[in-house]
Amino acid sequence: MDYEALVSAVIEERKESPVDLRGMGDGEHEHAYLKDLGSSYVRTVRDIDRLLGRGAVLELGAFLGVVSVCLKRMGYAITASDIPEYSAAAPVYEKESIPFDLLNLRHHSLPYARDSFDAVVICETLEHFNFNPLPVLKEIHRVLKPGGCLYVGMPNQARLSNRLKALAGKSIHDPVSHFFQQLDRRDNMVVGIHWREFTLAETREMLERMGFSVERSYFFEGARYRWRRVIAAWPSLRSSQVVIARKDSDPKHDFWITEANA
């Protein structure tokens, strides 16, 4: 399977038929964003295909559908979801006969039966949660089949660029200006802020304490990088992380969820 060619073709389709999520004439920017993440999409599609070989997959935070559409065309049974504000993406999924659910994960509950999916994919999404992620992980555990796979891909908080910022006395977090962008009616960055990034050790701890067994984890660098020799010697300095875990024991946590702690 030529995963790179498949991903590239789907990304170029978004250029030919822009979604423009908020009707702002921003299709060109959306296409540029997809191209920037192209290597991450290739990685995800390849990893899932090697893990499963076919099956039922749920993608949370599917955005403009690159991963979901690729997997669908490869023969997977795909269900996709994203926030209600991205309803304009629905025709992308309808064209591919992919069920597309508009969900705000802040509400935690997933509208799927227990043991429904062979895998759940959540990439470039967890860092955007501005709420406690543990109840969502509990729901993901519920809808996975026994032994099902959770695939998490997201930024590595301990990446080299963040370490250099910290050494220079600068913040490693999104700039304050992004708060203003997120609320601006004329801006497309509805969920662009990284509210909480994690180190690989933190990601593993969360998943293991939520009833998953980590099968594999690794650091990833997609695009060409000026510090490529450094990150080749020290993989933990790479910009992204991937954690692949299996549904294992049932989490016993009795969460008390209120408006204050959600």
C-alpha atoms as a PDB file:
ATOM      1  CA  MET A   1       0.000   0.000   0.000  1.00  0.00           C
ATOM      2  CA  ASP A   2       1.365   3.409  -0.966  1.00  0.00           C
ATOM      3  CA  TYR A   3       0.139   5.281   2.095  1.00  0.00           C
ATOM      4  CA  GLU A   4       1.839   8.520   1.122  1.00  0.00           C
ATOM      5  CA  ALA A   5       0.176   8.620  -2.296  1.00  0.00           C
ATOM      6  CA  LEU A   6      -3.225   7.888  -0.762  1.00  0.00           C
ATOM      7  CA  VAL A   7      -2.900  10.639   1.853  1.00  0.00           C
ATOM      8  CA  SER A   8      -1.601  13.130  -0.714  1.00  0.00           C
ATOM      9  CA  ALA A   9      -4.541  12.422  -3.012  1.00  0.00           C
ATOM     10  CA  VAL A  10      -7.082  13.032  -0.241  1.00  0.00           C
ATOM     11  CA  ILE A  11      -5.355  16.261   0.816  1.00  0.00           C
ATOM     12  CA  GLU A  12      -5.377  17.525  -2.782  1.00  0.00           C
ATOM     13  CA  GLU A  13      -9.098  16.790  -2.982  1.00  0.00           C
ATOM     14  CA  ARG A  14      -9.572  19.290  -0.157  1.00  0.00           C
ATOM     15  CA  LYS A  15      -7.747  21.851  -2.306  1.00  0.00           C
ATOM     16  CA  GLU A  16      -9.979  21.192  -5.307  1.00  0.00           C
ATOM     17  CA  SER A  17     -13.144  21.234  -3.169  1.00  0.00           C
ATOM     18  CA  PRO A  18     -12.445  23.425  -0.121  1.00  0.00           C
ATOM     19  CA  VAL A  19     -14.580  22.858   2.949  1.00  0.00           C
ATOM     20  CA  ASP A  20     -14.147  26.345   4.445  1.00  0.00           C
ATOM     21  CA  LEU A  21     -15.469  25.330   7.863  1.00  0.00           C
ATOM     22  CA  ARG A  22     -16.649  28.740   8.974  1.00  0.00           C
ATOM     23  CA  GLY A  23     -17.597  30.219   5.589  1.00  0.00           C
ATOM     24  CA  MET A  24     -14.789  32.760   5.728  1.00  0.00           C
ATOM     25  CA  GLY A  25     -13.104  31.968   2.425  1.00  0.00           C
ATOM     26  CA  ASP A  26     -10.377  30.169   4.363  1.00  0.00           C
ATOM     27  CA  GLY A  27     -10.164  26.997   2.292  1.00  0.00           C
ATOM     28  CA  GLU A  28      -6.617  27.763   1.177  1.00  0.00           C
ATOM     29  CA  HIS A  29      -5.408  28.013   4.774  1.00  0.00           C
ATOM     30  CA  GLU A  30      -7.159  24.768   5.673  1.00  0.00           C
ATOM     31  CA  HIS A  31      -5.429  23.006   2.778  1.00  0.00           C
ATOM     32  CA  ALA A  32      -2.054  24.380   3.891  1.00  0.00           C
ATOM     33  CA  TYR A  33      -2.707  23.053   7.404  1.00  0.00           C
ATOM     34  CA  LEU A  34      -3.491  19.583   6.025  1.00  0.00           C
ATOM     35  CA  LYS A  35      -0.303  19.573   3.965  1.00  0.00           C
ATOM     36  CA  ASP A  36       1.700  20.578   7.021  1.00  0.00           C
ATOM     37  CA  LEU A  37       0.300  17.555   8.866  1.00  0.00           C
ATOM     38  CA  GLY A  38       0.685  15.250   5.866  1.00  0.00           C
ATOM     39  CA  SER A  39       3.498  13.161   7.335  1.00  0.00           C
ATOM     40  CA  SER A  40       1.498  12.670  10.555  1.00  0.00           C
ATOM     41  CA  TYR A  41      -1.496  11.483   8.546  1.00  0.00           C
ATOM     42  CA  VAL A  42       0.693   9.019   6.623  1.00  0.00           C
ATOM     43  CA  ARG A  43       2.133   7.742   9.913  1.00  0.00           C
ATOM     44  CA  THR A  44      -1.322   7.265  11.422  1.00  0.00           C
ATOM     45  CA  VAL A  45      -2.844   5.477   8.439  1.00  0.00           C
ATOM     46  CA  ARG A  46       0.188   3.216   8.113  1.00  0.00           C
ATOM     47  CA  ASP A  47       0.281   2.372  11.828  1.00  0.00           C
ATOM     48  CA  ILE A  48      -3.434   1.569  11.998  1.00  0.00           C
ATOM     49  CA  ASP A  49      -3.269  -0.610   8.899  1.00  0.00           C
ATOM     50  CA  ARG A  50      -0.318  -2.564  10.277  1.00  0.00           C
ATOM     51  CA  LEU A  51      -2.050  -2.966  13.629  1.00  0.00           C
ATOM     52  CA  LEU A  52      -5.457  -4.052  12.383  1.00  0.00           C
ATOM     53  CA  GLY A  53      -5.455  -5.033   8.740  1.00  0.00           C
ATOM     54  CA  ARG A  54      -9.197  -4.122   8.665  1.00  0.00           C
ATOM     55  CA  GLY A  55     -11.901  -3.546  11.236  1.00  0.00           C
ATOM     56  CA  ALA A  56     -14.200  -0.958  12.816  1.00  0.00           C
ATOM     57  CA  VAL A  57     -12.468   2.325  13.650  1.00  0.00           C
ATOM     58  CA  LEU A  58     -13.699   5.456  15.422  1.00  0.00           C
ATOM     59  CA  GLU A  59     -11.804   8.689  14.809  1.00  0.00           C
ATOM     60  CA  LEU A  60     -12.359  11.447  17.358  1.00  0.00           C
ATOM     61  CA  GLY A  61     -11.374  14.929  16.198  1.00  0.00           C
ATOM     62  CA  ALA A  62     -11.501  13.851  12.547  1.00  0.00           C
ATOM     63  CA  PHE A  63     -11.428  17.468  11.262  1.00  0.00           C
ATOM     64  CA  LEU A  64     -11.469  17.443   7.435  1.00  0.00           C
ATOM     65  CA  GLY A  65     -11.376  13.672   7.213  1.00  0.00           C
ATOM     66  CA  VAL A  66      -7.949  12.829   5.814  1.00  0.00           C
ATOM     67  CA  VAL A  67      -7.353   9.822   8.080  1.00  0.00           C
ATOM     68  CA  SER A  68     -10.969   8.639   8.039  1.00  0.00           C
ATOM     69  CA  VAL A  69     -11.313   8.881   4.261  1.00  0.00           C
ATOM     70  CA  CYS A  70      -8.024   7.056   3.685  1.00  0.00           C
ATOM     71  CA  LEU A  71      -8.981   4.222   6.012  1.00  0.00           C
ATOM     72  CA  LYS A  72     -12.441   3.995   4.445  1.00  0.00           C
ATOM     73  CA  ARG A  73     -10.935   3.640   0.991  1.00  0.00           C
ATOM     74  CA  MET A  74      -8.672   0.915   2.346  1.00  0.00           C
ATOM     75  CA  GLY A  75     -11.702  -1.104   3.430  1.00  0.00           C
ATOM     76  CA  TYR A  76     -12.150  -0.128   7.077  1.00  0.00           C
ATOM     77  CA  ALA A  77     -15.556   0.501   8.669  1.00  0.00           C
ATOM     78  CA  ILE A  78     -15.099   4.099   9.797  1.00  0.00           C
ATOM     79  CA  THR A  79     -17.081   6.332  12.115  1.00  0.00           C
ATOM     80  CA  ALA A  80     -15.866   9.925  12.438  1.00  0.00           C
ATOM     81  CA  SER A  81     -16.691  12.767  14.787  1.00  0.00           C
ATOM     82  CA  ASP A  82     -15.768  16.350  15.565  1.00  0.00           C
ATOM     83  CA  ILE A  83     -17.202  19.409  17.278  1.00  0.00           C
ATOM     84  CA  PRO A  84     -20.588  20.832  16.183  1.00  0.00           C
ATOM     85  CA  GLU A  85     -18.851  23.962  14.909  1.00  0.00           C
ATOM     86  CA  TYR A  86     -17.363  21.800  12.137  1.00  0.00           C
ATOM     87  CA  SER A  87     -20.710  20.739  10.687  1.00  0.00           C
ATOM     88  CA  ALA A  88     -19.666  22.164   7.299  1.00  0.00           C
ATOM     89  CA  ALA A  89     -17.389  19.147   6.913  1.00  0.00           C
ATOM     90  CA  ALA A  90     -20.374  16.767   6.802  1.00  0.00           C
ATOM     91  CA  PRO A  91     -20.479  16.542   2.960  1.00  0.00           C
ATOM     92  CA  VAL A  92     -16.903  15.209   2.958  1.00  0.00           C
ATOM     93  CA  TYR A  93     -18.044  12.252   5.021  1.00  0.00           C
ATOM     94  CA  GLU A  94     -21.367  11.822   3.229  1.00  0.00           C
ATOM     95  CA  LYS A  95     -19.538  11.491  -0.078  1.00  0.00           C
ATOM     96  CA  GLU A  96     -17.527   8.588   1.356  1.00  0.00           C
ATOM     97  CA  SER A  97     -20.502   7.036   3.213  1.00  0.00           C
ATOM     98  CA  ILE A  98     -18.781   7.621   6.551  1.00  0.00           C
ATOM     99  CA  PRO A  99     -21.045   8.225   9.582  1.00  0.00           C
ATOM    100  CA  PHE A 100     -20.093  11.637  10.975  1.00  0.00           C
ATOM    101  CA  ASP A 101     -21.225  12.638  14.454  1.00  0.00           C
ATOM    102  CA  LEU A 102     -21.015  16.165  15.830  1.00  0.00           C
ATOM    103  CA  LEU A 103     -19.869  15.812  19.425  1.00  0.00           C
ATOM    104  CA  ASN A 104     -18.325  18.077  22.004  1.00  0.00           C
ATOM    105  CA  LEU A 105     -16.162  15.759  24.087  1.00  0.00           C
ATOM    106  CA  ARG A 106     -16.510  18.123  27.022  1.00  0.00           C
ATOM    107  CA  HIS A 107     -19.810  16.319  27.574  1.00  0.00           C
ATOM    108  CA  HIS A 108     -17.806  13.066  27.872  1.00  0.00           C
ATOM    109  CA  SER A 109     -20.498  10.605  26.793  1.00  0.00           C
ATOM    110  CA  LEU A 110     -20.010   8.871  23.422  1.00  0.00           C
ATOM    111  CA  PRO A 111     -23.192   7.733  21.576  1.00  0.00           C
ATOM    112  CA  TYR A 112     -21.862   4.252  20.835  1.00  0.00           C
ATOM    113  CA  ALA A 113     -22.497   0.878  22.413  1.00  0.00           C
ATOM    114  CA  ARG A 114     -19.959  -0.870  24.598  1.00  0.00           C
ATOM    115  CA  ASP A 115     -17.399  -2.957  22.695  1.00  0.00           C
ATOM    116  CA  SER A 116     -18.199  -1.352  19.322  1.00  0.00           C
ATOM    117  CA  PHE A 117     -14.785  -0.624  17.808  1.00  0.00           C
ATOM    118  CA  ASP A 118     -11.555  -2.424  17.068  1.00  0.00           C
ATOM    119  CA  ALA A 119      -9.662   0.865  17.338  1.00  0.00           C
ATOM    120  CA  VAL A 120     -10.145   4.475  18.366  1.00  0.00           C
ATOM    121  CA  VAL A 121      -7.907   7.108  16.781  1.00  0.00           C
ATOM    122  CA  ILE A 122      -7.392  10.434  18.531  1.00  0.00           C
ATOM    123  CA  CYS A 123      -4.649  12.444  16.843  1.00  0.00           C
ATOM    124  CA  GLU A 124      -3.816  16.148  17.128  1.00  0.00           C
ATOM    125  CA  THR A 125      -6.817  16.410  19.446  1.00  0.00           C
ATOM    126  CA  LEU A 126      -6.069  15.669  23.108  1.00  0.00           C
ATOM    127  CA  GLU A 127      -3.876  18.762  23.446  1.00  0.00           C
ATOM    128  CA  HIS A 128      -6.877  20.920  22.500  1.00  0.00           C
ATOM    129  CA  PHE A 129      -9.031  19.745  25.414  1.00  0.00           C
ATOM    130  CA  ASN A 130      -9.752  22.652  27.738  1.00  0.00           C
ATOM    131  CA  PHE A 131     -11.249  20.195  30.237  1.00  0.00           C
ATOM    132  CA  ASN A 132     -10.169  17.134  32.175  1.00  0.00           C
ATOM    133  CA  PRO A 133      -9.509  14.326  29.624  1.00  0.00           C
ATOM    134  CA  LEU A 134      -9.966  11.353  31.956  1.00  0.00           C
ATOM    135  CA  PRO A 135     -13.743  10.883  31.519  1.00  0.00           C
ATOM    136  CA  VAL A 136     -13.240  10.865  27.735  1.00  0.00           C
ATOM    137  CA  LEU A 137     -10.578   8.181  28.078  1.00  0.00           C
ATOM    138  CA  LYS A 138     -13.009   6.197  30.225  1.00  0.00           C
ATOM    139  CA  GLU A 139     -15.628   6.443  27.458  1.00  0.00           C
ATOM    140  CA  ILE A 140     -13.093   5.409  24.819  1.00  0.00           C
ATOM    141  CA  HIS A 141     -12.279   2.371  26.960  1.00  0.00           C
ATOM    142  CA  ARG A 142     -15.996   1.528  27.121  1.00  0.00           C
ATOM    143  CA  VAL A 143     -16.634   1.634  23.355  1.00  0.00           C
ATOM    144  CA  LEU A 144     -13.507  -0.366  22.454  1.00  0.00           C
ATOM    145  CA  LYS A 145     -13.805  -4.100  22.024  1.00  0.00           C
ATOM    146  CA  PRO A 146     -11.810  -6.240  24.497  1.00  0.00           C
ATOM    147  CA  GLY A 147      -8.186  -5.929  23.429  1.00  0.00           C
ATOM    148  CA  GLY A 148      -9.105  -3.036  21.127  1.00  0.00           C
ATOM    149  CA  CYS A 149      -6.507  -0.445  20.220  1.00  0.00           C
ATOM    150  CA  LEU A 150      -6.320   3.203  21.248  1.00  0.00           C
ATOM    151  CA  TYR A 151      -4.029   5.217  18.967  1.00  0.00           C
ATOM    152  CA  VAL A 152      -2.921   8.603  20.321  1.00  0.00           C
ATOM    153  CA  GLY A 153      -0.760  11.026  18.364  1.00  0.00           C
ATOM    154  CA  MET A 154      -0.004  14.545  19.605  1.00  0.00           C
ATOM    155  CA  PRO A 155       2.765  17.040  20.366  1.00  0.00           C
ATOM    156  CA  ASN A 156       5.601  16.082  22.679  1.00  0.00           C
ATOM    157  CA  GLN A 157       5.729  18.690  25.427  1.00  0.00           C
ATOM    158  CA  ALA A 158       9.422  17.940  25.979  1.00  0.00           C
ATOM    159  CA  ARG A 159      10.388  18.665  22.356  1.00  0.00           C
ATOM    160  CA  LEU A 160      13.559  20.577  21.616  1.00  0.00           C
ATOM    161  CA  SER A 161      11.823  23.844  20.689  1.00  0.00           C
ATOM    162  CA  ASN A 162      10.046  23.949  24.048  1.00  0.00           C
ATOM    163  CA  ARG A 163      13.244  23.217  25.937  1.00  0.00           C
ATOM    164  CA  LEU A 164      15.029  26.045  24.135  1.00  0.00           C
ATOM    165  CA  LYS A 165      12.171  28.437  24.931  1.00  0.00           C
ATOM    166  CA  ALA A 166      12.318  27.499  28.597  1.00  0.00           C
ATOM    167  CA  LEU A 167      16.093  28.016  28.676  1.00  0.00           C
ATOM    168  CA  ALA A 168      15.580  31.461  27.192  1.00  0.00           C
ATOM    169  CA  GLY A 169      13.006  32.291  29.877  1.00  0.00           C
ATOM    170  CA  LYS A 170      10.093  32.167  27.433  1.00  0.00           C
ATOM    171  CA  SER A 171       6.756  30.431  27.844  1.00  0.00           C
ATOM    172  CA  ILE A 172       6.319  27.046  26.186  1.00  0.00           C
ATOM    173  CA  HIS A 173       2.559  27.615  25.939  1.00  0.00           C
ATOM    174  CA  ASP A 174       0.434  29.242  23.262  1.00  0.00           C
ATOM    175  CA  PRO A 175       0.773  33.027  23.273  1.00  0.00           C
ATOM    176  CA  VAL A 176      -1.918  35.168  24.905  1.00  0.00           C
ATOM    177  CA  SER A 177      -2.823  36.471  21.442  1.00  0.00           C
ATOM    178  CA  HIS A 178      -4.315  33.050  20.663  1.00  0.00           C
ATOM    179  CA  PHE A 179      -6.957  33.614  23.345  1.00  0.00           C
ATOM    180  CA  PHE A 180      -8.132  36.629  21.369  1.00  0.00           C
ATOM    181  CA  GLN A 181      -7.988  34.744  18.058  1.00  0.00           C
ATOM    182  CA  GLN A 182     -10.110  31.920  19.386  1.00  0.00           C
ATOM    183  CA  LEU A 183     -12.968  34.275  20.244  1.00  0.00           C
ATOM    184  CA  ASP A 184     -12.681  36.512  17.183  1.00  0.00           C
ATOM    185  CA  ARG A 185     -15.695  36.201  14.864  1.00  0.00           C
ATOM    186  CA  ARG A 186     -13.419  36.918  11.905  1.00  0.00           C
ATOM    187  CA  ASP A 187     -10.864  34.265  12.761  1.00  0.00           C
ATOM    188  CA  ASN A 188     -10.933  30.554  11.968  1.00  0.00           C
ATOM    189  CA  MET A 189      -9.089  29.342  15.080  1.00  0.00           C
ATOM    190  CA  VAL A 190     -12.034  27.947  17.015  1.00  0.00           C
ATOM    191  CA  VAL A 191     -10.055  25.224  18.794  1.00  0.00           C
ATOM    192  CA  GLY A 192      -6.482  26.042  17.812  1.00  0.00           C
ATOM    193  CA  ILE A 193      -5.121  26.545  21.307  1.00  0.00           C
ATOM    194  CA  HIS A 194      -3.048  23.793  22.899  1.00  0.00           C
ATOM    195  CA  TRP A 195      -4.497  23.962  26.392  1.00  0.00           C
ATOM    196  CA  ARG A 196      -2.375  21.122  27.767  1.00  0.00           C
ATOM    197  CA  GLU A 197       0.488  19.242  26.148  1.00  0.00           C
ATOM    198  CA  PHE A 198       1.934  16.096  27.712  1.00  0.00           C
ATOM    199  CA  THR A 199       5.264  14.347  27.952  1.00  0.00           C
ATOM    200  CA  LEU A 200       5.361  10.764  26.762  1.00  0.00           C
ATOM    201  CA  ALA A 201       5.648   9.549  30.359  1.00  0.00           C
ATOM    202  CA  GLU A 202       2.506  11.501  31.305  1.00  0.00           C
ATOM    203  CA  THR A 203       0.559  10.062  28.370  1.00  0.00           C
ATOM    204  CA  ARG A 204       1.545   6.544  29.323  1.00  0.00           C
ATOM    205  CA  GLU A 205       0.579   7.161  32.955  1.00  0.00           C
ATOM    206  CA  MET A 206      -2.870   8.458  31.997  1.00  0.00           C
ATOM    207  CA  LEU A 207      -3.617   5.520  29.733  1.00  0.00           C
ATOM    208  CA  GLU A 208      -2.300   2.856  32.093  1.00  0.00           C
ATOM    209  CA  ARG A 209      -4.293   4.238  35.016  1.00  0.00           C
ATOM    210  CA  MET A 210      -7.399   4.305  32.798  1.00  0.00           C
ATOM    211  CA  GLY A 211      -7.297   0.573  32.073  1.00  0.00           C
ATOM    212  CA  PHE A 212      -5.063   0.427  28.997  1.00  0.00           C
ATOM    213  CA  SER A 213      -1.825  -1.481  28.526  1.00  0.00           C
ATOM    214  CA  VAL A 214       0.708   0.408  26.403  1.00  0.00           C
ATOM    215  CA  GLU A 215       1.839  -1.784  23.536  1.00  0.00           C
ATOM    216  CA  ARG A 216       4.174   0.679  21.854  1.00  0.00           C
ATOM    217  CA  SER A 217       5.237   4.295  22.139  1.00  0.00           C
ATOM    218  CA  TYR A 218       7.643   6.374  20.106  1.00  0.00           C
ATOM    219  CA  PHE A 219       8.675   9.907  19.205  1.00  0.00           C
ATOM    220  CA  PHE A 220       8.031  11.251  15.724  1.00  0.00           C
ATOM    221  CA  GLU A 221       9.337  14.087  13.584  1.00  0.00           C
ATOM    222  CA  GLY A 222       7.504  14.656  10.342  1.00  0.00           C
ATOM    223  CA  ALA A 223       8.668  17.623   8.355  1.00  0.00           C
ATOM    224  CA  ARG A 224      12.282  18.476   7.653  1.00  0.00           C
ATOM    225  CA  TYR A 225      13.803  20.012  10.731  1.00  0.00           C
ATOM    226  CA  ARG A 226      16.832  22.254  11.144  1.00  0.00           C
ATOM    227  CA  TRP A 227      17.944  20.270  14.215  1.00  0.00           C
ATOM    228  CA  ARG A 228      17.545  16.902  12.509  1.00  0.00           C
ATOM    229  CA  ARG A 229      20.970  15.626  13.605  1.00  0.00           C
ATOM    230  CA  VAL A 230      20.221  16.487  17.212  1.00  0.00           C
ATOM    231  CA  ILE A 231      16.817  14.821  17.252  1.00  0.00           C
ATOM    232  CA  ALA A 232      18.253  11.794  15.449  1.00  0.00           C
ATOM    233  CA  ALA A 233      20.632  11.315  18.382  1.00  0.00           C
ATOM    234  CA  TRP A 234      18.009  12.130  21.039  1.00  0.00           C
ATOM    235  CA  PRO A 235      14.562  10.988  19.829  1.00  0.00           C
ATOM    236  CA  SER A 236      12.923  12.361  22.990  1.00  0.00           C
ATOM    237  CA  LEU A 237      13.531  15.859  21.561  1.00  0.00           C
ATOM    238  CA  ARG A 238      11.286  15.211  18.554  1.00  0.00           C
ATOM    239  CA  SER A 239       8.155  17.294  18.138  1.00  0.00           C
ATOM    240  CA  SER A 240       5.502  14.577  18.366  1.00  0.00           C
ATOM    241  CA  GLN A 241       4.679  11.419  20.266  1.00  0.00           C
ATOM    242  CA  VAL A 242       2.650   8.335  19.464  1.00  0.00           C
ATOM    243  CA  VAL A 243       1.237   5.941  22.034  1.00  0.00           C
ATOM    244  CA  ILE A 244      -0.508   2.718  21.035  1.00  0.00           C
ATOM    245  CA  ALA A 245      -2.421   1.015  23.829  1.00  0.00           C
ATOM    246  CA  ARG A 246      -4.811  -1.901  24.222  1.00  0.00           C
ATOM    247  CA  LYS A 247      -7.995  -2.089  26.246  1.00  0.00           C
ATOM    248  CA  ASP A 248      -7.085  -4.127  29.291  1.00  0.00           C
ATOM    249  CA  SER A 249      -8.599  -4.007  32.780  1.00  0.00           C
ATOM    250  CA  ASP A 250     -11.731  -2.003  33.583  1.00  0.00           C
ATOM    251  CA  PRO A 251     -10.908   1.343  35.225  1.00  0.00           C
ATOM    252  CA  LYS A 252     -12.357   1.444  38.751  1.00  0.00           C
ATOM    253  CA  HIS A 253     -12.399   5.225  39.150  1.00  0.00           C
ATOM    254  CA  ASP A 254     -15.629   6.704  40.482  1.00  0.00           C
ATOM    255  CA  PHE A 255     -15.340  10.175  38.998  1.00  0.00           C
ATOM    256  CA  TRP A 256     -17.181  13.099  40.554  1.00  0.00           C
ATOM    257  CA  ILE A 257     -17.784  15.450  37.648  1.00  0.00           C
ATOM    258  CA  THR A 258     -19.002  18.990  38.245  1.00  0.00           C
ATOM    259  CA  GLU A 259     -18.906  22.261  36.337  1.00  0.00           C
ATOM    260  CA  ALA A 260     -15.839  23.163  38.361  1.00  0.00           C
ATOM    261  CA  ASN A 261     -13.644  20.148  37.648  1.00  0.00           C
ATOM    262  CA  ALA A 262     -14.815  19.031  34.190  1.00  0.00           C
END
